[in-house]
């Protein structure tokens, strides 16, 4: 098929990249800081209270499936464990 591409990594096919490839080590250290976590939590609480927090369910589900696969959980094409 013209324009199609085979991917060795299913995460690459979905446009997902490893955290270490997407962010610098300095950035990851900064956001892992307890103050940064507290600030993010306060911002999320504020947005929830205002009614403007709209998580993207598809992105959350894809992230969960990606992490499950990285941890070695065997999933079929539907994202369910095989029967």
PDB file of N, CA and C in Angstrom:
ATOM      1  N   UNK A   1       0.853  -1.166   0.000  1.00  0.00           N
ATOM      2  CA  UNK A   1       0.000   0.000   0.000  1.00  0.00           C
ATOM      3  C   UNK A   1       0.902   1.233   0.000  1.00  0.00           C
ATOM      4  N   UNK A   2       0.654   2.177  -0.864  1.00  0.00           N
ATOM      5  CA  UNK A   2       1.469   3.381  -0.979  1.00  0.00           C
ATOM      6  C   UNK A   2       1.333   4.224   0.273  1.00  0.00           C
ATOM      7  N   UNK A   3       2.466   4.704   0.776  1.00  0.00           N
ATOM      8  CA  UNK A   3       2.458   5.592   1.928  1.00  0.00           C
ATOM      9  C   UNK A   3       2.365   4.879   3.264  1.00  0.00           C
ATOM     10  N   UNK A   4       2.171   3.554   3.258  1.00  0.00           N
ATOM     11  CA  UNK A   4       2.103   2.849   4.533  1.00  0.00           C
ATOM     12  C   UNK A   4       3.510   2.477   4.972  1.00  0.00           C
ATOM     13  N   UNK A   5       3.643   2.211   6.260  1.00  0.00           N
ATOM     14  CA  UNK A   5       4.946   1.885   6.822  1.00  0.00           C
ATOM     15  C   UNK A   5       4.776   0.790   7.846  1.00  0.00           C
ATOM     16  N   UNK A   6       5.683  -0.165   7.845  1.00  0.00           N
ATOM     17  CA  UNK A   6       5.669  -1.207   8.853  1.00  0.00           C
ATOM     18  C   UNK A   6       6.460  -0.719  10.056  1.00  0.00           C
ATOM     19  N   UNK A   7       5.943  -0.965  11.248  1.00  0.00           N
ATOM     20  CA  UNK A   7       6.604  -0.558  12.478  1.00  0.00           C
ATOM     21  C   UNK A   7       7.020  -1.805  13.249  1.00  0.00           C
ATOM     22  N   UNK A   8       8.264  -1.808  13.739  1.00  0.00           N
ATOM     23  CA  UNK A   8       8.722  -2.896  14.592  1.00  0.00           C
ATOM     24  C   UNK A   8       8.142  -2.756  15.989  1.00  0.00           C
ATOM     25  N   UNK A   9       7.927  -1.522  16.415  1.00  0.00           N
ATOM     26  CA  UNK A   9       7.435  -1.230  17.753  1.00  0.00           C
ATOM     27  C   UNK A   9       6.001  -0.715  17.647  1.00  0.00           C
ATOM     28  N   UNK A  10       5.023  -1.411  18.273  1.00  0.00           N
ATOM     29  CA  UNK A  10       3.634  -0.953  18.171  1.00  0.00           C
ATOM     30  C   UNK A  10       3.432   0.438  18.756  1.00  0.00           C
ATOM     31  N   UNK A  11       4.247   0.823  19.745  1.00  0.00           N
ATOM     32  CA  UNK A  11       4.134   2.167  20.310  1.00  0.00           C
ATOM     33  C   UNK A  11       4.518   3.216  19.274  1.00  0.00           C
ATOM     34  N   UNK A  12       5.502   2.908  18.447  1.00  0.00           N
ATOM     35  CA  UNK A  12       5.916   3.840  17.390  1.00  0.00           C
ATOM     36  C   UNK A  12       4.783   4.026  16.393  1.00  0.00           C
ATOM     37  N   UNK A  13       4.065   2.945  16.092  1.00  0.00           N
ATOM     38  CA  UNK A  13       2.948   3.030  15.153  1.00  0.00           C
ATOM     39  C   UNK A  13       1.859   3.964  15.659  1.00  0.00           C
ATOM     40  N   UNK A  14       1.700   4.030  16.983  1.00  0.00           N
ATOM     41  CA  UNK A  14       0.688   4.909  17.565  1.00  0.00           C
ATOM     42  C   UNK A  14       1.244   6.297  17.870  1.00  0.00           C
ATOM     43  N   UNK A  15       2.522   6.524  17.543  1.00  0.00           N
ATOM     44  CA  UNK A  15       3.111   7.830  17.805  1.00  0.00           C
ATOM     45  C   UNK A  15       3.619   7.984  19.227  1.00  0.00           C
ATOM     46  N   UNK A  16       3.725   6.882  19.973  1.00  0.00           N
ATOM     47  CA  UNK A  16       4.207   6.943  21.351  1.00  0.00           C
ATOM     48  C   UNK A  16       5.722   6.760  21.363  1.00  0.00           C
ATOM     49  N   UNK A  17       6.384   7.504  22.212  1.00  0.00           N
ATOM     50  CA  UNK A  17       7.830   7.388  22.344  1.00  0.00           C
ATOM     51  C   UNK A  17       8.178   7.162  23.803  1.00  0.00           C
ATOM     52  N   UNK A  18       9.348   6.620  24.045  1.00  0.00           N
ATOM     53  CA  UNK A  18       9.807   6.388  25.406  1.00  0.00           C
ATOM     54  C   UNK A  18      10.030   7.729  26.106  1.00  0.00           C
ATOM     55  N   UNK A  19       9.738   7.763  27.394  1.00  0.00           N
ATOM     56  CA  UNK A  19       9.871   9.000  28.162  1.00  0.00           C
ATOM     57  C   UNK A  19      11.265   9.593  28.033  1.00  0.00           C
ATOM     58  N   UNK A  20      12.291   8.748  28.119  1.00  0.00           N
ATOM     59  CA  UNK A  20      13.659   9.248  28.054  1.00  0.00           C
ATOM     60  C   UNK A  20      14.002   9.840  26.689  1.00  0.00           C
ATOM     61  N   UNK A  21      13.266   9.423  25.650  1.00  0.00           N
ATOM     62  CA  UNK A  21      13.477   9.992  24.323  1.00  0.00           C
ATOM     63  C   UNK A  21      12.728  11.313  24.142  1.00  0.00           C
ATOM     64  N   UNK A  22      11.657  11.508  24.916  1.00  0.00           N
ATOM     65  CA  UNK A  22      10.822  12.694  24.758  1.00  0.00           C
ATOM     66  C   UNK A  22      11.275  13.854  25.637  1.00  0.00           C
ATOM     67  N   UNK A  23      11.945  13.560  26.765  1.00  0.00           N
ATOM     68  CA  UNK A  23      12.303  14.605  27.730  1.00  0.00           C
ATOM     69  C   UNK A  23      13.764  14.467  28.145  1.00  0.00           C
ATOM     70  N   UNK A  24      14.387  15.602  28.419  1.00  0.00           N
ATOM     71  CA  UNK A  24      15.773  15.584  28.888  1.00  0.00           C
ATOM     72  C   UNK A  24      15.825  15.104  30.338  1.00  0.00           C
ATOM     73  N   UNK A  25      16.978  14.605  30.749  1.00  0.00           N
ATOM     74  CA  UNK A  25      17.155  14.151  32.131  1.00  0.00           C
ATOM     75  C   UNK A  25      16.946  15.303  33.109  1.00  0.00           C
ATOM     76  N   UNK A  26      17.413  16.502  32.759  1.00  0.00           N
ATOM     77  CA  UNK A  26      17.233  17.671  33.629  1.00  0.00           C
ATOM     78  C   UNK A  26      15.755  17.985  33.829  1.00  0.00           C
ATOM     79  N   UNK A  27      14.977  17.917  32.736  1.00  0.00           N
ATOM     80  CA  UNK A  27      13.539  18.186  32.843  1.00  0.00           C
ATOM     81  C   UNK A  27      12.869  17.147  33.739  1.00  0.00           C
ATOM     82  N   UNK A  28      13.205  15.875  33.550  1.00  0.00           N
ATOM     83  CA  UNK A  28      12.590  14.820  34.351  1.00  0.00           C
ATOM     84  C   UNK A  28      12.931  14.978  35.826  1.00  0.00           C
ATOM     85  N   UNK A  29      14.162  15.369  36.141  1.00  0.00           N
ATOM     86  CA  UNK A  29      14.535  15.615  37.535  1.00  0.00           C
ATOM     87  C   UNK A  29      13.738  16.775  38.113  1.00  0.00           C
ATOM     88  N   UNK A  30      13.551  17.810  37.307  1.00  0.00           N
ATOM     89  CA  UNK A  30      12.824  18.988  37.765  1.00  0.00           C
ATOM     90  C   UNK A  30      11.365  18.653  38.061  1.00  0.00           C
ATOM     91  N   UNK A  31      10.696  17.925  37.173  1.00  0.00           N
ATOM     92  CA  UNK A  31       9.282  17.627  37.378  1.00  0.00           C
ATOM     93  C   UNK A  31       9.062  16.546  38.433  1.00  0.00           C
ATOM     94  N   UNK A  32      10.103  15.791  38.769  1.00  0.00           N
ATOM     95  CA  UNK A  32       9.982  14.785  39.810  1.00  0.00           C
ATOM     96  C   UNK A  32      10.119  15.405  41.197  1.00  0.00           C
ATOM     97  N   UNK A  33      10.550  16.656  41.252  1.00  0.00           N
ATOM     98  CA  UNK A  33      10.713  17.370  42.507  1.00  0.00           C
ATOM     99  C   UNK A  33       9.365  17.452  43.235  1.00  0.00           C
ATOM    100  N   UNK A  34       9.383  17.319  44.562  1.00  0.00           N
ATOM    101  CA  UNK A  34       8.145  17.323  45.345  1.00  0.00           C
ATOM    102  C   UNK A  34       7.360  18.625  45.183  1.00  0.00           C
ATOM    103  N   UNK A  35       8.047  19.758  45.113  1.00  0.00           N
ATOM    104  CA  UNK A  35       7.347  21.030  44.932  1.00  0.00           C
ATOM    105  C   UNK A  35       6.628  21.068  43.587  1.00  0.00           C
ATOM    106  N   UNK A  36       7.271  20.547  42.539  1.00  0.00           N
ATOM    107  CA  UNK A  36       6.650  20.528  41.219  1.00  0.00           C
ATOM    108  C   UNK A  36       5.419  19.629  41.230  1.00  0.00           C
ATOM    109  N   UNK A  37       5.514  18.495  41.910  1.00  0.00           N
ATOM    110  CA  UNK A  37       4.361  17.594  41.996  1.00  0.00           C
ATOM    111  C   UNK A  37       3.209  18.270  42.739  1.00  0.00           C
ATOM    112  N   UNK A  38       3.519  18.956  43.809  1.00  0.00           N
ATOM    113  CA  UNK A  38       2.494  19.648  44.588  1.00  0.00           C
ATOM    114  C   UNK A  38       1.831  20.738  43.736  1.00  0.00           C
ATOM    115  N   UNK A  39       2.639  21.482  42.981  1.00  0.00           N
ATOM    116  CA  UNK A  39       2.089  22.533  42.116  1.00  0.00           C
ATOM    117  C   UNK A  39       1.161  21.937  41.053  1.00  0.00           C
ATOM    118  N   UNK A  40       1.571  20.815  40.445  1.00  0.00           N
ATOM    119  CA  UNK A  40       0.717  20.178  39.438  1.00  0.00           C
ATOM    120  C   UNK A  40      -0.592  19.682  40.051  1.00  0.00           C
ATOM    121  N   UNK A  41      -0.504  19.112  41.251  1.00  0.00           N
ATOM    122  CA  UNK A  41      -1.697  18.631  41.932  1.00  0.00           C
ATOM    123  C   UNK A  41      -2.644  19.787  42.255  1.00  0.00           C
ATOM    124  N   UNK A  42      -2.108  20.894  42.740  1.00  0.00           N
ATOM    125  CA  UNK A  42      -2.936  22.062  43.043  1.00  0.00           C
ATOM    126  C   UNK A  42      -3.600  22.601  41.781  1.00  0.00           C
ATOM    127  N   UNK A  43      -2.861  22.617  40.672  1.00  0.00           N
ATOM    128  CA  UNK A  43      -3.429  23.091  39.409  1.00  0.00           C
ATOM    129  C   UNK A  43      -4.545  22.154  38.937  1.00  0.00           C
ATOM    130  N   UNK A  44      -4.344  20.850  39.052  1.00  0.00           N
ATOM    131  CA  UNK A  44      -5.393  19.905  38.672  1.00  0.00           C
ATOM    132  C   UNK A  44      -6.640  20.091  39.532  1.00  0.00           C
ATOM    133  N   UNK A  45      -6.451  20.250  40.840  1.00  0.00           N
ATOM    134  CA  UNK A  45      -7.590  20.474  41.733  1.00  0.00           C
ATOM    135  C   UNK A  45      -8.333  21.748  41.349  1.00  0.00           C
ATOM    136  N   UNK A  46      -7.601  22.800  41.021  1.00  0.00           N
ATOM    137  CA  UNK A  46      -8.214  24.073  40.628  1.00  0.00           C
ATOM    138  C   UNK A  46      -9.045  23.879  39.360  1.00  0.00           C
ATOM    139  N   UNK A  47      -8.477  23.185  38.379  1.00  0.00           N
ATOM    140  CA  UNK A  47      -9.188  22.963  37.115  1.00  0.00           C
ATOM    141  C   UNK A  47     -10.418  22.081  37.314  1.00  0.00           C
ATOM    142  N   UNK A  48     -10.321  21.085  38.198  1.00  0.00           N
ATOM    143  CA  UNK A  48     -11.485  20.240  38.503  1.00  0.00           C
ATOM    144  C   UNK A  48     -12.579  21.080  39.147  1.00  0.00           C
ATOM    145  N   UNK A  49     -12.205  21.907  40.131  1.00  0.00           N
ATOM    146  CA  UNK A  49     -13.178  22.767  40.807  1.00  0.00           C
ATOM    147  C   UNK A  49     -13.861  23.718  39.836  1.00  0.00           C
ATOM    148  N   UNK A  50     -13.127  24.213  38.842  1.00  0.00           N
ATOM    149  CA  UNK A  50     -13.697  25.126  37.853  1.00  0.00           C
ATOM    150  C   UNK A  50     -14.513  24.396  36.783  1.00  0.00           C
ATOM    151  N   UNK A  51     -14.386  23.074  36.743  1.00  0.00           N
ATOM    152  CA  UNK A  51     -15.109  22.295  35.751  1.00  0.00           C
ATOM    153  C   UNK A  51     -14.475  22.325  34.372  1.00  0.00           C
ATOM    154  N   UNK A  52     -13.189  22.674  34.302  1.00  0.00           N
ATOM    155  CA  UNK A  52     -12.529  22.773  33.001  1.00  0.00           C
ATOM    156  C   UNK A  52     -11.517  21.647  32.767  1.00  0.00           C
ATOM    157  N   UNK A  53     -11.400  20.726  33.705  1.00  0.00           N
ATOM    158  CA  UNK A  53     -10.473  19.612  33.514  1.00  0.00           C
ATOM    159  C   UNK A  53     -11.160  18.566  32.657  1.00  0.00           C
ATOM    160  N   UNK A  54     -10.638  18.327  31.479  1.00  0.00           N
ATOM    161  CA  UNK A  54     -11.211  17.391  30.520  1.00  0.00           C
ATOM    162  C   UNK A  54     -10.139  16.397  30.070  1.00  0.00           C
ATOM    163  N   UNK A  55      -9.924  15.345  30.851  1.00  0.00           N
ATOM    164  CA  UNK A  55      -8.906  14.364  30.438  1.00  0.00           C
ATOM    165  C   UNK A  55      -9.326  13.666  29.144  1.00  0.00           C
ATOM    166  N   UNK A  56      -8.345  13.348  28.327  1.00  0.00           N
ATOM    167  CA  UNK A  56      -8.587  12.643  27.067  1.00  0.00           C
ATOM    168  C   UNK A  56      -8.560  11.143  27.342  1.00  0.00           C
ATOM    169  N   UNK A  57      -9.735  10.538  27.368  1.00  0.00           N
ATOM    170  CA  UNK A  57      -9.850   9.120  27.720  1.00  0.00           C
ATOM    171  C   UNK A  57      -9.044   8.225  26.787  1.00  0.00           C
ATOM    172  N   UNK A  58      -9.004   8.546  25.510  1.00  0.00           N
ATOM    173  CA  UNK A  58      -8.261   7.727  24.553  1.00  0.00           C
ATOM    174  C   UNK A  58      -6.767   7.753  24.867  1.00  0.00           C
ATOM    175  N   UNK A  59      -6.228   8.937  25.131  1.00  0.00           N
ATOM    176  CA  UNK A  59      -4.797   9.052  25.457  1.00  0.00           C
ATOM    177  C   UNK A  59      -4.466   8.320  26.750  1.00  0.00           C
ATOM    178  N   UNK A  60      -5.345   8.425  27.732  1.00  0.00           N
ATOM    179  CA  UNK A  60      -5.118   7.735  29.007  1.00  0.00           C
ATOM    180  C   UNK A  60      -5.112   6.226  28.784  1.00  0.00           C
ATOM    181  N   UNK A  61      -6.091   5.725  28.023  1.00  0.00           N
ATOM    182  CA  UNK A  61      -6.161   4.280  27.756  1.00  0.00           C
ATOM    183  C   UNK A  61      -4.941   3.797  26.982  1.00  0.00           C
ATOM    184  N   UNK A  62      -4.514   4.560  25.974  1.00  0.00           N
ATOM    185  CA  UNK A  62      -3.327   4.170  25.208  1.00  0.00           C
ATOM    186  C   UNK A  62      -2.089   4.133  26.097  1.00  0.00           C
ATOM    187  N   UNK A  63      -1.962   5.099  26.988  1.00  0.00           N
ATOM    188  CA  UNK A  63      -0.831   5.109  27.910  1.00  0.00           C
ATOM    189  C   UNK A  63      -0.850   3.915  28.846  1.00  0.00           C
ATOM    190  N   UNK A  64      -2.037   3.567  29.335  1.00  0.00           N
ATOM    191  CA  UNK A  64      -2.160   2.412  30.227  1.00  0.00           C
ATOM    192  C   UNK A  64      -1.788   1.128  29.498  1.00  0.00           C
ATOM    193  N   UNK A  65      -2.277   0.973  28.276  1.00  0.00           N
ATOM    194  CA  UNK A  65      -1.949  -0.223  27.497  1.00  0.00           C
ATOM    195  C   UNK A  65      -0.464  -0.288  27.176  1.00  0.00           C
ATOM    196  N   UNK A  66       0.111   0.858  26.854  1.00  0.00           N
ATOM    197  CA  UNK A  66       1.536   0.914  26.542  1.00  0.00           C
ATOM    198  C   UNK A  66       2.370   0.483  27.747  1.00  0.00           C
ATOM    199  N   UNK A  67       2.019   1.011  28.928  1.00  0.00           N
ATOM    200  CA  UNK A  67       2.763   0.636  30.136  1.00  0.00           C
ATOM    201  C   UNK A  67       2.587  -0.846  30.458  1.00  0.00           C
ATOM    202  N   UNK A  68       1.383  -1.380  30.236  1.00  0.00           N
ATOM    203  CA  UNK A  68       1.149  -2.802  30.487  1.00  0.00           C
ATOM    204  C   UNK A  68       2.018  -3.655  29.565  1.00  0.00           C
ATOM    205  N   UNK A  69       2.112  -3.257  28.307  1.00  0.00           N
ATOM    206  CA  UNK A  69       2.931  -4.009  27.358  1.00  0.00           C
ATOM    207  C   UNK A  69       4.412  -3.893  27.712  1.00  0.00           C
ATOM    208  N   UNK A  70       4.850  -2.708  28.157  1.00  0.00           N
ATOM    209  CA  UNK A  70       6.250  -2.533  28.558  1.00  0.00           C
ATOM    210  C   UNK A  70       6.585  -3.430  29.740  1.00  0.00           C
ATOM    211  N   UNK A  71       5.607  -3.691  30.599  1.00  0.00           N
ATOM    212  CA  UNK A  71       5.822  -4.529  31.778  1.00  0.00           C
ATOM    213  C   UNK A  71       5.654  -6.012  31.463  1.00  0.00           C
ATOM    214  N   UNK A  72       5.407  -6.320  30.187  1.00  0.00           N
ATOM    215  CA  UNK A  72       5.361  -7.711  29.766  1.00  0.00           C
ATOM    216  C   UNK A  72       3.996  -8.356  29.814  1.00  0.00           C
ATOM    217  N   UNK A  73       2.932  -7.588  30.066  1.00  0.00           N
ATOM    218  CA  UNK A  73       1.595  -8.155  30.056  1.00  0.00           C
ATOM    219  C   UNK A  73       1.212  -8.460  28.620  1.00  0.00           C
ATOM    220  N   UNK A  74       0.829  -9.687  28.365  1.00  0.00           N
ATOM    221  CA  UNK A  74       0.473 -10.120  27.017  1.00  0.00           C
ATOM    222  C   UNK A  74      -0.959  -9.704  26.717  1.00  0.00           C
ATOM    223  N   UNK A  75      -1.142  -8.826  25.720  1.00  0.00           N
ATOM    224  CA  UNK A  75      -2.475  -8.344  25.346  1.00  0.00           C
ATOM    225  C   UNK A  75      -2.748  -8.712  23.889  1.00  0.00           C
ATOM    226  N   UNK A  76      -4.019  -8.984  23.575  1.00  0.00           N
ATOM    227  CA  UNK A  76      -4.357  -9.254  22.185  1.00  0.00           C
ATOM    228  C   UNK A  76      -4.623  -7.921  21.459  1.00  0.00           C
ATOM    229  N   UNK A  77      -5.085  -7.976  20.239  1.00  0.00           N
ATOM    230  CA  UNK A  77      -5.291  -6.768  19.430  1.00  0.00           C
ATOM    231  C   UNK A  77      -6.316  -5.825  20.035  1.00  0.00           C
ATOM    232  N   UNK A  78      -7.243  -6.321  20.855  1.00  0.00           N
ATOM    233  CA  UNK A  78      -8.259  -5.477  21.467  1.00  0.00           C
ATOM    234  C   UNK A  78      -7.785  -4.868  22.780  1.00  0.00           C
ATOM    235  N   UNK A  79      -6.580  -5.207  23.223  1.00  0.00           N
ATOM    236  CA  UNK A  79      -6.069  -4.694  24.487  1.00  0.00           C
ATOM    237  C   UNK A  79      -6.460  -5.539  25.671  1.00  0.00           C
ATOM    238  N   UNK A  80      -7.107  -6.695  25.412  1.00  0.00           N
ATOM    239  CA  UNK A  80      -7.522  -7.587  26.482  1.00  0.00           C
ATOM    240  C   UNK A  80      -6.495  -8.709  26.626  1.00  0.00           C
ATOM    241  N   UNK A  81      -6.365  -9.267  27.846  1.00  0.00           N
ATOM    242  CA  UNK A  81      -5.508 -10.443  27.977  1.00  0.00           C
ATOM    243  C   UNK A  81      -6.076 -11.576  27.123  1.00  0.00           C
ATOM    244  N   UNK A  82      -5.226 -12.383  26.491  1.00  0.00           N
ATOM    245  CA  UNK A  82      -5.727 -13.482  25.657  1.00  0.00           C
ATOM    246  C   UNK A  82      -6.493 -14.498  26.495  1.00  0.00           C
ATOM    247  N   UNK A  83      -7.482 -15.101  25.867  1.00  0.00           N
ATOM    248  CA  UNK A  83      -8.303 -16.096  26.589  1.00  0.00           C
ATOM    249  C   UNK A  83      -7.635 -17.437  26.590  1.00  0.00           C
TER     250      UNK A  83
END
